[in-house]
Amino acid sequence: MSGPLVAVERFDLRIPGVTSLKEKRHVVKTLTGSLRAKFNVSVAEVDHQDLWQRTAIAVSAVGAEGYHLRKVMHEVERHVERWFEVEIIDRELSLLGPE
């Protein structure tokens, strides 16, 4: 019997247009809310909370099939790439299963 799989993708992002933490929070909140609503994934800011023009977010999804999770995460990547207020510095996808 196989168990659930978890996909986790971390995005290191630059937010070049902001000049304050308040502006940054607005960009991050709008992006993360959009990802949650469109893809039904979990999203959290996981690093660089104190820097104006940097952030790292992690996106996760749970499912039974690796193919489906990779497809969802690919669509998440495309969504982040098209978000005009941020630039992707780096990204890392992990697919985790039962041990």
PDB file of N, CA and C in Angstrom:
ATOM      1  N   MET A   1       0.843  -1.181   0.000  1.00  0.00           N
ATOM      2  CA  MET A   1       0.000   0.000   0.000  1.00  0.00           C
ATOM      3  C   MET A   1       0.889   1.245   0.000  1.00  0.00           C
ATOM      4  N   SER A   2       0.604   2.149  -0.887  1.00  0.00           N
ATOM      5  CA  SER A   2       1.388   3.388  -0.924  1.00  0.00           C
ATOM      6  C   SER A   2       0.652   4.470  -0.149  1.00  0.00           C
ATOM      7  N   GLY A   3       1.400   5.403   0.356  1.00  0.00           N
ATOM      8  CA  GLY A   3       0.816   6.486   1.134  1.00  0.00           C
ATOM      9  C   GLY A   3       0.785   7.771   0.346  1.00  0.00           C
ATOM     10  N   PRO A   4       0.377   8.831   0.986  1.00  0.00           N
ATOM     11  CA  PRO A   4       0.309  10.124   0.297  1.00  0.00           C
ATOM     12  C   PRO A   4       1.704  10.664  -0.014  1.00  0.00           C
ATOM     13  N   LEU A   5       1.755  11.474  -1.036  1.00  0.00           N
ATOM     14  CA  LEU A   5       2.980  12.181  -1.414  1.00  0.00           C
ATOM     15  C   LEU A   5       2.803  13.657  -1.080  1.00  0.00           C
ATOM     16  N   VAL A   6       3.913  14.299  -0.764  1.00  0.00           N
ATOM     17  CA  VAL A   6       3.908  15.726  -0.475  1.00  0.00           C
ATOM     18  C   VAL A   6       4.904  16.403  -1.406  1.00  0.00           C
ATOM     19  N   ALA A   7       4.449  17.420  -2.099  1.00  0.00           N
ATOM     20  CA  ALA A   7       5.328  18.248  -2.926  1.00  0.00           C
ATOM     21  C   ALA A   7       5.558  19.560  -2.174  1.00  0.00           C
ATOM     22  N   VAL A   8       6.825  19.959  -2.076  1.00  0.00           N
ATOM     23  CA  VAL A   8       7.183  21.229  -1.438  1.00  0.00           C
ATOM     24  C   VAL A   8       8.123  21.961  -2.383  1.00  0.00           C
ATOM     25  N   GLU A   9       7.791  23.202  -2.690  1.00  0.00           N
ATOM     26  CA  GLU A   9       8.673  24.008  -3.520  1.00  0.00           C
ATOM     27  C   GLU A   9       8.967  25.312  -2.798  1.00  0.00           C
ATOM     28  N   ARG A  10      10.248  25.608  -2.724  1.00  0.00           N
ATOM     29  CA  ARG A  10      10.709  26.859  -2.116  1.00  0.00           C
ATOM     30  C   ARG A  10      11.106  27.811  -3.237  1.00  0.00           C
ATOM     31  N   PHE A  11      10.639  29.037  -3.127  1.00  0.00           N
ATOM     32  CA  PHE A  11      10.994  30.090  -4.076  1.00  0.00           C
ATOM     33  C   PHE A  11      11.741  31.185  -3.325  1.00  0.00           C
ATOM     34  N   ASP A  12      12.958  31.500  -3.762  1.00  0.00           N
ATOM     35  CA  ASP A  12      13.666  32.677  -3.277  1.00  0.00           C
ATOM     36  C   ASP A  12      13.363  33.790  -4.265  1.00  0.00           C
ATOM     37  N   LEU A  13      12.813  34.869  -3.761  1.00  0.00           N
ATOM     38  CA  LEU A  13      12.309  35.931  -4.629  1.00  0.00           C
ATOM     39  C   LEU A  13      12.935  37.285  -4.298  1.00  0.00           C
ATOM     40  N   ARG A  14      13.081  38.081  -5.349  1.00  0.00           N
ATOM     41  CA  ARG A  14      13.458  39.488  -5.209  1.00  0.00           C
ATOM     42  C   ARG A  14      12.203  40.303  -5.520  1.00  0.00           C
ATOM     43  N   ILE A  15      12.000  41.369  -4.750  1.00  0.00           N
ATOM     44  CA  ILE A  15      10.859  42.258  -4.966  1.00  0.00           C
ATOM     45  C   ILE A  15      11.433  43.652  -5.215  1.00  0.00           C
ATOM     46  N   PRO A  16      11.853  43.944  -6.451  1.00  0.00           N
ATOM     47  CA  PRO A  16      12.643  45.150  -6.703  1.00  0.00           C
ATOM     48  C   PRO A  16      11.903  46.474  -6.532  1.00  0.00           C
ATOM     49  N   GLY A  17      10.596  46.499  -6.641  1.00  0.00           N
ATOM     50  CA  GLY A  17       9.892  47.775  -6.640  1.00  0.00           C
ATOM     51  C   GLY A  17       9.489  48.325  -5.297  1.00  0.00           C
ATOM     52  N   VAL A  18       9.735  47.602  -4.213  1.00  0.00           N
ATOM     53  CA  VAL A  18       9.234  48.059  -2.915  1.00  0.00           C
ATOM     54  C   VAL A  18      10.268  48.902  -2.181  1.00  0.00           C
ATOM     55  N   THR A  19       9.755  49.817  -1.341  1.00  0.00           N
ATOM     56  CA  THR A  19      10.645  50.693  -0.585  1.00  0.00           C
ATOM     57  C   THR A  19      10.399  50.615   0.919  1.00  0.00           C
ATOM     58  N   SER A  20       9.560  49.665   1.341  1.00  0.00           N
ATOM     59  CA  SER A  20       9.293  49.505   2.778  1.00  0.00           C
ATOM     60  C   SER A  20       8.812  48.084   3.053  1.00  0.00           C
ATOM     61  N   LEU A  21       8.865  47.701   4.323  1.00  0.00           N
ATOM     62  CA  LEU A  21       8.331  46.389   4.709  1.00  0.00           C
ATOM     63  C   LEU A  21       6.831  46.320   4.497  1.00  0.00           C
ATOM     64  N   LYS A  22       6.140  47.449   4.653  1.00  0.00           N
ATOM     65  CA  LYS A  22       4.691  47.478   4.437  1.00  0.00           C
ATOM     66  C   LYS A  22       4.366  47.147   2.982  1.00  0.00           C
ATOM     67  N   GLU A  23       5.085  47.742   2.036  1.00  0.00           N
ATOM     68  CA  GLU A  23       4.880  47.435   0.614  1.00  0.00           C
ATOM     69  C   GLU A  23       5.202  45.971   0.330  1.00  0.00           C
ATOM     70  N   LYS A  24       6.302  45.489   0.917  1.00  0.00           N
ATOM     71  CA  LYS A  24       6.688  44.091   0.718  1.00  0.00           C
ATOM     72  C   LYS A  24       5.592  43.165   1.220  1.00  0.00           C
ATOM     73  N   ARG A  25       5.076  43.423   2.424  1.00  0.00           N
ATOM     74  CA  ARG A  25       4.016  42.572   2.986  1.00  0.00           C
ATOM     75  C   ARG A  25       2.805  42.528   2.066  1.00  0.00           C
ATOM     76  N   HIS A  26       2.471  43.666   1.462  1.00  0.00           N
ATOM     77  CA  HIS A  26       1.334  43.699   0.536  1.00  0.00           C
ATOM     78  C   HIS A  26       1.588  42.793  -0.668  1.00  0.00           C
ATOM     79  N   VAL A  27       2.783  42.866  -1.258  1.00  0.00           N
ATOM     80  CA  VAL A  27       3.122  42.029  -2.416  1.00  0.00           C
ATOM     81  C   VAL A  27       3.078  40.552  -2.028  1.00  0.00           C
ATOM     82  N   VAL A  28       3.704  40.208  -0.902  1.00  0.00           N
ATOM     83  CA  VAL A  28       3.761  38.810  -0.462  1.00  0.00           C
ATOM     84  C   VAL A  28       2.359  38.297  -0.151  1.00  0.00           C
ATOM     85  N   LYS A  29       1.562  39.089   0.553  1.00  0.00           N
ATOM     86  CA  LYS A  29       0.208  38.665   0.912  1.00  0.00           C
ATOM     87  C   LYS A  29      -0.658  38.463  -0.326  1.00  0.00           C
ATOM     88  N   THR A  30      -0.538  39.346  -1.296  1.00  0.00           N
ATOM     89  CA  THR A  30      -1.319  39.224  -2.530  1.00  0.00           C
ATOM     90  C   THR A  30      -0.904  37.990  -3.318  1.00  0.00           C
ATOM     91  N   LEU A  31       0.404  37.764  -3.446  1.00  0.00           N
ATOM     92  CA  LEU A  31       0.898  36.593  -4.172  1.00  0.00           C
ATOM     93  C   LEU A  31       0.493  35.299  -3.479  1.00  0.00           C
ATOM     94  N   THR A  32       0.720  35.203  -2.174  1.00  0.00           N
ATOM     95  CA  THR A  32       0.402  33.962  -1.468  1.00  0.00           C
ATOM     96  C   THR A  32      -1.105  33.692  -1.473  1.00  0.00           C
ATOM     97  N   GLY A  33      -1.900  34.723  -1.336  1.00  0.00           N
ATOM     98  CA  GLY A  33      -3.360  34.554  -1.397  1.00  0.00           C
ATOM     99  C   GLY A  33      -3.813  34.072  -2.760  1.00  0.00           C
ATOM    100  N   SER A  34      -3.193  34.599  -3.798  1.00  0.00           N
ATOM    101  CA  SER A  34      -3.516  34.175  -5.159  1.00  0.00           C
ATOM    102  C   SER A  34      -3.171  32.699  -5.372  1.00  0.00           C
ATOM    103  N   LEU A  35      -2.009  32.274  -4.872  1.00  0.00           N
ATOM    104  CA  LEU A  35      -1.610  30.870  -5.008  1.00  0.00           C
ATOM    105  C   LEU A  35      -2.572  29.948  -4.263  1.00  0.00           C
ATOM    106  N   ARG A  36      -2.960  30.340  -3.050  1.00  0.00           N
ATOM    107  CA  ARG A  36      -3.902  29.521  -2.269  1.00  0.00           C
ATOM    108  C   ARG A  36      -5.240  29.387  -2.995  1.00  0.00           C
ATOM    109  N   ALA A  37      -5.739  30.496  -3.501  1.00  0.00           N
ATOM    110  CA  ALA A  37      -7.057  30.494  -4.135  1.00  0.00           C
ATOM    111  C   ALA A  37      -7.071  29.725  -5.453  1.00  0.00           C
ATOM    112  N   LYS A  38      -6.031  29.898  -6.247  1.00  0.00           N
ATOM    113  CA  LYS A  38      -6.024  29.299  -7.587  1.00  0.00           C
ATOM    114  C   LYS A  38      -5.676  27.812  -7.573  1.00  0.00           C
ATOM    115  N   PHE A  39      -4.778  27.388  -6.674  1.00  0.00           N
ATOM    116  CA  PHE A  39      -4.251  26.016  -6.730  1.00  0.00           C
ATOM    117  C   PHE A  39      -4.596  25.157  -5.511  1.00  0.00           C
ATOM    118  N   ASN A  40      -5.267  25.721  -4.501  1.00  0.00           N
ATOM    119  CA  ASN A  40      -5.615  24.978  -3.289  1.00  0.00           C
ATOM    120  C   ASN A  40      -4.374  24.342  -2.655  1.00  0.00           C
ATOM    121  N   VAL A  41      -3.342  25.158  -2.476  1.00  0.00           N
ATOM    122  CA  VAL A  41      -2.076  24.729  -1.878  1.00  0.00           C
ATOM    123  C   VAL A  41      -1.866  25.489  -0.572  1.00  0.00           C
ATOM    124  N   SER A  42      -0.922  25.016   0.228  1.00  0.00           N
ATOM    125  CA  SER A  42      -0.509  25.740   1.430  1.00  0.00           C
ATOM    126  C   SER A  42       0.700  26.591   1.077  1.00  0.00           C
ATOM    127  N   VAL A  43       0.743  27.800   1.603  1.00  0.00           N
ATOM    128  CA  VAL A  43       1.833  28.731   1.286  1.00  0.00           C
ATOM    129  C   VAL A  43       2.244  29.458   2.560  1.00  0.00           C
ATOM    130  N   ALA A  44       3.556  29.639   2.734  1.00  0.00           N
ATOM    131  CA  ALA A  44       4.059  30.395   3.880  1.00  0.00           C
ATOM    132  C   ALA A  44       5.319  31.145   3.484  1.00  0.00           C
ATOM    133  N   GLU A  45       5.485  32.339   4.066  1.00  0.00           N
ATOM    134  CA  GLU A  45       6.758  33.044   3.930  1.00  0.00           C
ATOM    135  C   GLU A  45       7.713  32.387   4.912  1.00  0.00           C
ATOM    136  N   VAL A  46       8.873  31.927   4.428  1.00  0.00           N
ATOM    137  CA  VAL A  46       9.754  31.105   5.266  1.00  0.00           C
ATOM    138  C   VAL A  46      11.133  31.709   5.527  1.00  0.00           C
ATOM    139  N   ASP A  47      11.447  32.852   4.905  1.00  0.00           N
ATOM    140  CA  ASP A  47      12.761  33.462   5.149  1.00  0.00           C
ATOM    141  C   ASP A  47      12.743  34.915   4.689  1.00  0.00           C
ATOM    142  N   HIS A  48      13.735  35.658   5.130  1.00  0.00           N
ATOM    143  CA  HIS A  48      13.955  37.064   4.743  1.00  0.00           C
ATOM    144  C   HIS A  48      12.810  37.984   5.171  1.00  0.00           C
ATOM    145  N   GLN A  49      12.136  37.663   6.271  1.00  0.00           N
ATOM    146  CA  GLN A  49      11.009  38.491   6.708  1.00  0.00           C
ATOM    147  C   GLN A  49      11.417  39.926   7.020  1.00  0.00           C
ATOM    148  N   ASP A  50      12.684  40.153   7.386  1.00  0.00           N
ATOM    149  CA  ASP A  50      13.118  41.487   7.793  1.00  0.00           C
ATOM    150  C   ASP A  50      13.756  42.300   6.660  1.00  0.00           C
ATOM    151  N   LEU A  51      13.823  41.739   5.456  1.00  0.00           N
ATOM    152  CA  LEU A  51      14.418  42.455   4.318  1.00  0.00           C
ATOM    153  C   LEU A  51      13.319  42.992   3.410  1.00  0.00           C
ATOM    154  N   TRP A  52      13.495  44.211   2.925  1.00  0.00           N
ATOM    155  CA  TRP A  52      12.480  44.842   2.089  1.00  0.00           C
ATOM    156  C   TRP A  52      12.301  44.161   0.744  1.00  0.00           C
ATOM    157  N   GLN A  53      13.397  43.897   0.076  1.00  0.00           N
ATOM    158  CA  GLN A  53      13.308  43.482  -1.333  1.00  0.00           C
ATOM    159  C   GLN A  53      13.604  42.006  -1.548  1.00  0.00           C
ATOM    160  N   ARG A  54      13.530  41.205  -0.503  1.00  0.00           N
ATOM    161  CA  ARG A  54      13.745  39.751  -0.617  1.00  0.00           C
ATOM    162  C   ARG A  54      12.685  39.026   0.175  1.00  0.00           C
ATOM    163  N   THR A  55      12.351  37.840  -0.288  1.00  0.00           N
ATOM    164  CA  THR A  55      11.502  36.946   0.476  1.00  0.00           C
ATOM    165  C   THR A  55      11.749  35.524   0.005  1.00  0.00           C
ATOM    166  N   ALA A  56      11.341  34.589   0.809  1.00  0.00           N
ATOM    167  CA  ALA A  56      11.313  33.189   0.399  1.00  0.00           C
ATOM    168  C   ALA A  56       9.956  32.648   0.807  1.00  0.00           C
ATOM    169  N   ILE A  57       9.292  32.000  -0.128  1.00  0.00           N
ATOM    170  CA  ILE A  57       8.018  31.370   0.186  1.00  0.00           C
ATOM    171  C   ILE A  57       8.125  29.873  -0.103  1.00  0.00           C
ATOM    172  N   ALA A  58       7.379  29.099   0.651  1.00  0.00           N
ATOM    173  CA  ALA A  58       7.290  27.663   0.414  1.00  0.00           C
ATOM    174  C   ALA A  58       5.840  27.339   0.086  1.00  0.00           C
ATOM    175  N   VAL A  59       5.670  26.504  -0.933  1.00  0.00           N
ATOM    176  CA  VAL A  59       4.348  26.086  -1.389  1.00  0.00           C
ATOM    177  C   VAL A  59       4.296  24.572  -1.257  1.00  0.00           C
ATOM    178  N   SER A  60       3.216  24.048  -0.681  1.00  0.00           N
ATOM    179  CA  SER A  60       3.117  22.597  -0.544  1.00  0.00           C
ATOM    180  C   SER A  60       1.739  22.102  -0.971  1.00  0.00           C
ATOM    181  N   ALA A  61       1.739  20.855  -1.450  1.00  0.00           N
ATOM    182  CA  ALA A  61       0.506  20.188  -1.861  1.00  0.00           C
ATOM    183  C   ALA A  61       0.636  18.709  -1.519  1.00  0.00           C
ATOM    184  N   VAL A  62      -0.484  18.086  -1.219  1.00  0.00           N
ATOM    185  CA  VAL A  62      -0.524  16.667  -0.882  1.00  0.00           C
ATOM    186  C   VAL A  62      -1.392  15.958  -1.897  1.00  0.00           C
ATOM    187  N   GLY A  63      -0.956  14.768  -2.333  1.00  0.00           N
ATOM    188  CA  GLY A  63      -1.738  13.999  -3.286  1.00  0.00           C
ATOM    189  C   GLY A  63      -1.283  12.561  -3.337  1.00  0.00           C
ATOM    190  N   ALA A  64      -1.968  11.796  -4.159  1.00  0.00           N
ATOM    191  CA  ALA A  64      -1.675  10.365  -4.277  1.00  0.00           C
ATOM    192  C   ALA A  64      -0.724  10.056  -5.418  1.00  0.00           C
ATOM    193  N   GLU A  65      -0.646  10.941  -6.414  1.00  0.00           N
ATOM    194  CA  GLU A  65       0.155  10.661  -7.608  1.00  0.00           C
ATOM    195  C   GLU A  65       1.220  11.737  -7.823  1.00  0.00           C
ATOM    196  N   GLY A  66       2.457  11.274  -7.994  1.00  0.00           N
ATOM    197  CA  GLY A  66       3.560  12.189  -8.247  1.00  0.00           C
ATOM    198  C   GLY A  66       3.360  13.009  -9.506  1.00  0.00           C
ATOM    199  N   TYR A  67       2.802  12.381 -10.554  1.00  0.00           N
ATOM    200  CA  TYR A  67       2.575  13.097 -11.810  1.00  0.00           C
ATOM    201  C   TYR A  67       1.664  14.303 -11.578  1.00  0.00           C
ATOM    202  N   HIS A  68       0.580  14.086 -10.864  1.00  0.00           N
ATOM    203  CA  HIS A  68      -0.364  15.178 -10.622  1.00  0.00           C
ATOM    204  C   HIS A  68       0.291  16.289  -9.794  1.00  0.00           C
ATOM    205  N   LEU A  69       1.038  15.915  -8.753  1.00  0.00           N
ATOM    206  CA  LEU A  69       1.695  16.926  -7.917  1.00  0.00           C
ATOM    207  C   LEU A  69       2.718  17.729  -8.715  1.00  0.00           C
ATOM    208  N   ARG A  70       3.496  17.049  -9.571  1.00  0.00           N
ATOM    209  CA  ARG A  70       4.468  17.780 -10.407  1.00  0.00           C
ATOM    210  C   ARG A  70       3.756  18.755 -11.340  1.00  0.00           C
ATOM    211  N   LYS A  71       2.618  18.335 -11.881  1.00  0.00           N
ATOM    212  CA  LYS A  71       1.845  19.208 -12.777  1.00  0.00           C
ATOM    213  C   LYS A  71       1.343  20.444 -12.019  1.00  0.00           C
ATOM    214  N   VAL A  72       0.800  20.230 -10.826  1.00  0.00           N
ATOM    215  CA  VAL A  72       0.319  21.352 -10.015  1.00  0.00           C
ATOM    216  C   VAL A  72       1.472  22.309  -9.696  1.00  0.00           C
ATOM    217  N   MET A  73       2.607  21.750  -9.279  1.00  0.00           N
ATOM    218  CA  MET A  73       3.732  22.611  -8.903  1.00  0.00           C
ATOM    219  C   MET A  73       4.311  23.338 -10.111  1.00  0.00           C
ATOM    220  N   HIS A  74       4.258  22.720 -11.284  1.00  0.00           N
ATOM    221  CA  HIS A  74       4.692  23.402 -12.504  1.00  0.00           C
ATOM    222  C   HIS A  74       3.785  24.610 -12.778  1.00  0.00           C
ATOM    223  N   GLU A  75       2.492  24.435 -12.586  1.00  0.00           N
ATOM    224  CA  GLU A  75       1.561  25.554 -12.775  1.00  0.00           C
ATOM    225  C   GLU A  75       1.795  26.643 -11.725  1.00  0.00           C
ATOM    226  N   VAL A  76       2.130  26.244 -10.501  1.00  0.00           N
ATOM    227  CA  VAL A  76       2.470  27.218  -9.453  1.00  0.00           C
ATOM    228  C   VAL A  76       3.702  28.017  -9.886  1.00  0.00           C
ATOM    229  N   GLU A  77       4.729  27.319 -10.392  1.00  0.00           N
ATOM    230  CA  GLU A  77       5.944  27.998 -10.879  1.00  0.00           C
ATOM    231  C   GLU A  77       5.603  29.025 -11.947  1.00  0.00           C
ATOM    232  N   ARG A  78       4.790  28.623 -12.904  1.00  0.00           N
ATOM    233  CA  ARG A  78       4.409  29.549 -13.989  1.00  0.00           C
ATOM    234  C   ARG A  78       3.667  30.760 -13.443  1.00  0.00           C
ATOM    235  N   HIS A  79       2.816  30.555 -12.455  1.00  0.00           N
ATOM    236  CA  HIS A  79       2.067  31.651 -11.847  1.00  0.00           C
ATOM    237  C   HIS A  79       3.023  32.645 -11.177  1.00  0.00           C
ATOM    238  N   VAL A  80       4.001  32.121 -10.429  1.00  0.00           N
ATOM    239  CA  VAL A  80       4.976  32.989  -9.755  1.00  0.00           C
ATOM    240  C   VAL A  80       5.824  33.722 -10.803  1.00  0.00           C
ATOM    241  N   GLU A  81       6.241  33.013 -11.853  1.00  0.00           N
ATOM    242  CA  GLU A  81       7.036  33.642 -12.912  1.00  0.00           C
ATOM    243  C   GLU A  81       6.298  34.815 -13.551  1.00  0.00           C
ATOM    244  N   ARG A  82       4.985  34.709 -13.683  1.00  0.00           N
ATOM    245  CA  ARG A  82       4.189  35.763 -14.327  1.00  0.00           C
ATOM    246  C   ARG A  82       3.810  36.893 -13.375  1.00  0.00           C
ATOM    247  N   TRP A  83       4.074  36.726 -12.074  1.00  0.00           N
ATOM    248  CA  TRP A  83       3.728  37.759 -11.096  1.00  0.00           C
ATOM    249  C   TRP A  83       4.715  38.909 -11.276  1.00  0.00           C
ATOM    250  N   PHE A  84       4.256  40.004 -11.853  1.00  0.00           N
ATOM    251  CA  PHE A  84       5.164  41.063 -12.321  1.00  0.00           C
ATOM    252  C   PHE A  84       5.942  41.749 -11.206  1.00  0.00           C
ATOM    253  N   GLU A  85       5.496  41.662  -9.973  1.00  0.00           N
ATOM    254  CA  GLU A  85       6.165  42.377  -8.874  1.00  0.00           C
ATOM    255  C   GLU A  85       7.356  41.626  -8.301  1.00  0.00           C
ATOM    256  N   VAL A  86       7.545  40.350  -8.690  1.00  0.00           N
ATOM    257  CA  VAL A  86       8.646  39.571  -8.123  1.00  0.00           C
ATOM    258  C   VAL A  86       9.510  38.972  -9.226  1.00  0.00           C
ATOM    259  N   GLU A  87      10.772  38.705  -8.857  1.00  0.00           N
ATOM    260  CA  GLU A  87      11.706  37.998  -9.735  1.00  0.00           C
ATOM    261  C   GLU A  87      12.173  36.761  -8.984  1.00  0.00           C
ATOM    262  N   ILE A  88      12.178  35.618  -9.665  1.00  0.00           N
ATOM    263  CA  ILE A  88      12.642  34.387  -9.038  1.00  0.00           C
ATOM    264  C   ILE A  88      14.169  34.353  -9.074  1.00  0.00           C
ATOM    265  N   ILE A  89      14.789  34.251  -7.908  1.00  0.00           N
ATOM    266  CA  ILE A  89      16.233  34.097  -7.799  1.00  0.00           C
ATOM    267  C   ILE A  89      16.590  32.615  -7.892  1.00  0.00           C
ATOM    268  N   ASP A  90      15.815  31.804  -7.164  1.00  0.00           N
ATOM    269  CA  ASP A  90      16.074  30.366  -7.132  1.00  0.00           C
ATOM    270  C   ASP A  90      14.786  29.656  -6.754  1.00  0.00           C
ATOM    271  N   ARG A  91      14.708  28.373  -7.103  1.00  0.00           N
ATOM    272  CA  ARG A  91      13.576  27.543  -6.688  1.00  0.00           C
ATOM    273  C   ARG A  91      14.066  26.115  -6.514  1.00  0.00           C
ATOM    274  N   GLU A  92      13.400  25.412  -5.620  1.00  0.00           N
ATOM    275  CA  GLU A  92      13.789  24.034  -5.359  1.00  0.00           C
ATOM    276  C   GLU A  92      12.533  23.222  -5.059  1.00  0.00           C
ATOM    277  N   LEU A  93      12.305  22.162  -5.827  1.00  0.00           N
ATOM    278  CA  LEU A  93      11.152  21.294  -5.666  1.00  0.00           C
ATOM    279  C   LEU A  93      11.573  19.990  -5.028  1.00  0.00           C
ATOM    280  N   SER A  94      10.828  19.565  -4.014  1.00  0.00           N
ATOM    281  CA  SER A  94      11.047  18.261  -3.375  1.00  0.00           C
ATOM    282  C   SER A  94       9.737  17.495  -3.395  1.00  0.00           C
ATOM    283  N   LEU A  95       9.819  16.214  -3.686  1.00  0.00           N
ATOM    284  CA  LEU A  95       8.661  15.326  -3.636  1.00  0.00           C
ATOM    285  C   LEU A  95       8.956  14.273  -2.583  1.00  0.00           C
ATOM    286  N   LEU A  96       8.137  14.239  -1.542  1.00  0.00           N
ATOM    287  CA  LEU A  96       8.381  13.363  -0.405  1.00  0.00           C
ATOM    288  C   LEU A  96       7.289  12.319  -0.299  1.00  0.00           C
ATOM    289  N   GLY A  97       7.695  11.087  -0.012  1.00  0.00           N
ATOM    290  CA  GLY A  97       6.725  10.012   0.163  1.00  0.00           C
ATOM    291  C   GLY A  97       6.944   9.298   1.475  1.00  0.00           C
ATOM    292  N   PRO A  98       6.127   8.295   1.746  1.00  0.00           N
ATOM    293  CA  PRO A  98       6.277   7.559   2.997  1.00  0.00           C
ATOM    294  C   PRO A  98       7.595   6.793   3.034  1.00  0.00           C
ATOM    295  N   GLU A  99       8.143   6.668   4.208  1.00  0.00           N
ATOM    296  CA  GLU A  99       9.419   5.953   4.347  1.00  0.00           C
ATOM    297  C   GLU A  99       9.202   4.483   4.589  1.00  0.00           C
TER     298      GLU A  99
END
